[in-house]
Amino acid sequence: MDLFIGQQALISIFSHIFFTGVAFYAMRAVMFEKWIRKHHVLQAQILYIFLSIAIGTMVSTFFLDISAWSRQLPYLF
């Protein structure tokens, strides 16, 4: 049982990091420069990172939930 919990933790960590990276990469297509005030580059970069983390975490959680629920489907029958 402990091995299963450790594996789930490792999969969750990698999933969150992977999808955060994908979100960061995908957000590069958006031109944020139009919305940023002059001389606020650091704040814009921090916002960019936080948005990437938020989007990546939501997508990762979605896929991890779907995976967990699909493993529980056999208990329905």
C-alpha atoms as a PDB file:
ATOM      1  CA  MET A   1       0.000   0.000   0.000  1.00  0.00           C
ATOM      2  CA  ASP A   2       2.842   2.399   0.816  1.00  0.00           C
ATOM      3  CA  LEU A   3       4.415   1.759  -2.586  1.00  0.00           C
ATOM      4  CA  PHE A   4       1.137   2.659  -4.320  1.00  0.00           C
ATOM      5  CA  ILE A   5       0.875   5.946  -2.391  1.00  0.00           C
ATOM      6  CA  GLY A   6       4.488   6.775  -3.263  1.00  0.00           C
ATOM      7  CA  GLN A   7       3.898   6.014  -6.940  1.00  0.00           C
ATOM      8  CA  GLN A   8       0.773   8.194  -6.982  1.00  0.00           C
ATOM      9  CA  ALA A   9       2.711  11.058  -5.404  1.00  0.00           C
ATOM     10  CA  LEU A  10       5.495  10.743  -7.977  1.00  0.00           C
ATOM     11  CA  ILE A  11       3.033  10.614 -10.888  1.00  0.00           C
ATOM     12  CA  SER A  12       1.197  13.657  -9.510  1.00  0.00           C
ATOM     13  CA  ILE A  13       4.407  15.671  -9.146  1.00  0.00           C
ATOM     14  CA  PHE A  14       5.553  14.867 -12.676  1.00  0.00           C
ATOM     15  CA  SER A  15       2.088  15.517 -14.078  1.00  0.00           C
ATOM     16  CA  HIS A  16       1.850  18.943 -12.454  1.00  0.00           C
ATOM     17  CA  ILE A  17       5.341  19.924 -13.602  1.00  0.00           C
ATOM     18  CA  PHE A  18       4.726  18.642 -17.134  1.00  0.00           C
ATOM     19  CA  PHE A  19       1.405  20.425 -17.596  1.00  0.00           C
ATOM     20  CA  THR A  20       2.764  23.627 -16.048  1.00  0.00           C
ATOM     21  CA  GLY A  21       5.538  23.536 -18.641  1.00  0.00           C
ATOM     22  CA  VAL A  22       3.040  22.920 -21.429  1.00  0.00           C
ATOM     23  CA  ALA A  23       0.895  25.826 -20.201  1.00  0.00           C
ATOM     24  CA  PHE A  24       3.979  28.069 -20.035  1.00  0.00           C
ATOM     25  CA  TYR A  25       4.881  27.073 -23.599  1.00  0.00           C
ATOM     26  CA  ALA A  26       1.317  27.564 -24.868  1.00  0.00           C
ATOM     27  CA  MET A  27       0.985  30.982 -23.247  1.00  0.00           C
ATOM     28  CA  ARG A  28       3.927  32.234 -25.278  1.00  0.00           C
ATOM     29  CA  ALA A  29       1.495  32.479 -28.207  1.00  0.00           C
ATOM     30  CA  VAL A  30      -0.460  35.219 -26.407  1.00  0.00           C
ATOM     31  CA  MET A  31       0.809  38.770 -26.820  1.00  0.00           C
ATOM     32  CA  PHE A  32       0.680  40.067 -23.252  1.00  0.00           C
ATOM     33  CA  GLU A  33       2.713  43.139 -24.166  1.00  0.00           C
ATOM     34  CA  LYS A  34      -0.460  44.946 -25.212  1.00  0.00           C
ATOM     35  CA  TRP A  35      -1.925  44.627 -21.711  1.00  0.00           C
ATOM     36  CA  ILE A  36       1.203  45.415 -19.686  1.00  0.00           C
ATOM     37  CA  ARG A  37       1.918  48.910 -18.430  1.00  0.00           C
ATOM     38  CA  LYS A  38       5.317  50.344 -19.173  1.00  0.00           C
ATOM     39  CA  HIS A  39       8.021  49.714 -16.568  1.00  0.00           C
ATOM     40  CA  HIS A  40       6.102  46.784 -15.015  1.00  0.00           C
ATOM     41  CA  VAL A  41       8.056  43.958 -16.604  1.00  0.00           C
ATOM     42  CA  LEU A  42       8.831  42.107 -13.365  1.00  0.00           C
ATOM     43  CA  GLN A  43       5.189  42.082 -12.292  1.00  0.00           C
ATOM     44  CA  ALA A  44       4.180  40.847 -15.759  1.00  0.00           C
ATOM     45  CA  GLN A  45       6.711  38.007 -15.580  1.00  0.00           C
ATOM     46  CA  ILE A  46       5.473  36.973 -12.135  1.00  0.00           C
ATOM     47  CA  LEU A  47       1.872  37.034 -13.365  1.00  0.00           C
ATOM     48  CA  TYR A  48       2.905  34.972 -16.411  1.00  0.00           C
ATOM     49  CA  ILE A  49       4.488  32.334 -14.166  1.00  0.00           C
ATOM     50  CA  PHE A  50       1.514  32.240 -11.790  1.00  0.00           C
ATOM     51  CA  LEU A  51      -0.951  31.892 -14.658  1.00  0.00           C
ATOM     52  CA  SER A  52       1.133  29.039 -16.080  1.00  0.00           C
ATOM     53  CA  ILE A  53       1.139  27.278 -12.710  1.00  0.00           C
ATOM     54  CA  ALA A  54      -2.617  27.776 -12.244  1.00  0.00           C
ATOM     55  CA  ILE A  55      -3.518  26.515 -15.722  1.00  0.00           C
ATOM     56  CA  GLY A  56      -1.039  23.622 -15.534  1.00  0.00           C
ATOM     57  CA  THR A  57      -2.340  22.544 -12.127  1.00  0.00           C
ATOM     58  CA  MET A  58      -5.964  22.604 -13.286  1.00  0.00           C
ATOM     59  CA  VAL A  59      -5.206  20.538 -16.396  1.00  0.00           C
ATOM     60  CA  SER A  60      -3.044  18.100 -14.442  1.00  0.00           C
ATOM     61  CA  THR A  61      -5.730  17.665 -11.787  1.00  0.00           C
ATOM     62  CA  PHE A  62      -8.291  17.003 -14.514  1.00  0.00           C
ATOM     63  CA  PHE A  63      -6.180  14.227 -16.061  1.00  0.00           C
ATOM     64  CA  LEU A  64      -5.267  12.713 -12.692  1.00  0.00           C
ATOM     65  CA  ASP A  65      -8.957  12.662 -11.685  1.00  0.00           C
ATOM     66  CA  ILE A  66      -9.997  11.051 -14.974  1.00  0.00           C
ATOM     67  CA  SER A  67      -7.264   8.442 -14.487  1.00  0.00           C
ATOM     68  CA  ALA A  68      -8.353   7.685 -10.909  1.00  0.00           C
ATOM     69  CA  TRP A  69     -12.019   7.495 -11.859  1.00  0.00           C
ATOM     70  CA  SER A  70     -11.306   5.158 -14.761  1.00  0.00           C
ATOM     71  CA  ARG A  71      -9.495   2.796 -12.362  1.00  0.00           C
ATOM     72  CA  GLN A  72     -12.584   2.808 -10.128  1.00  0.00           C
ATOM     73  CA  LEU A  73     -15.038   1.908 -12.916  1.00  0.00           C
ATOM     74  CA  PRO A  74     -14.618  -1.880 -12.498  1.00  0.00           C
ATOM     75  CA  TYR A  75     -16.137  -1.545  -9.013  1.00  0.00           C
ATOM     76  CA  LEU A  76     -19.375  -0.415 -10.660  1.00  0.00           C
ATOM     77  CA  PHE A  77     -20.043  -3.869 -12.093  1.00  0.00           C
END
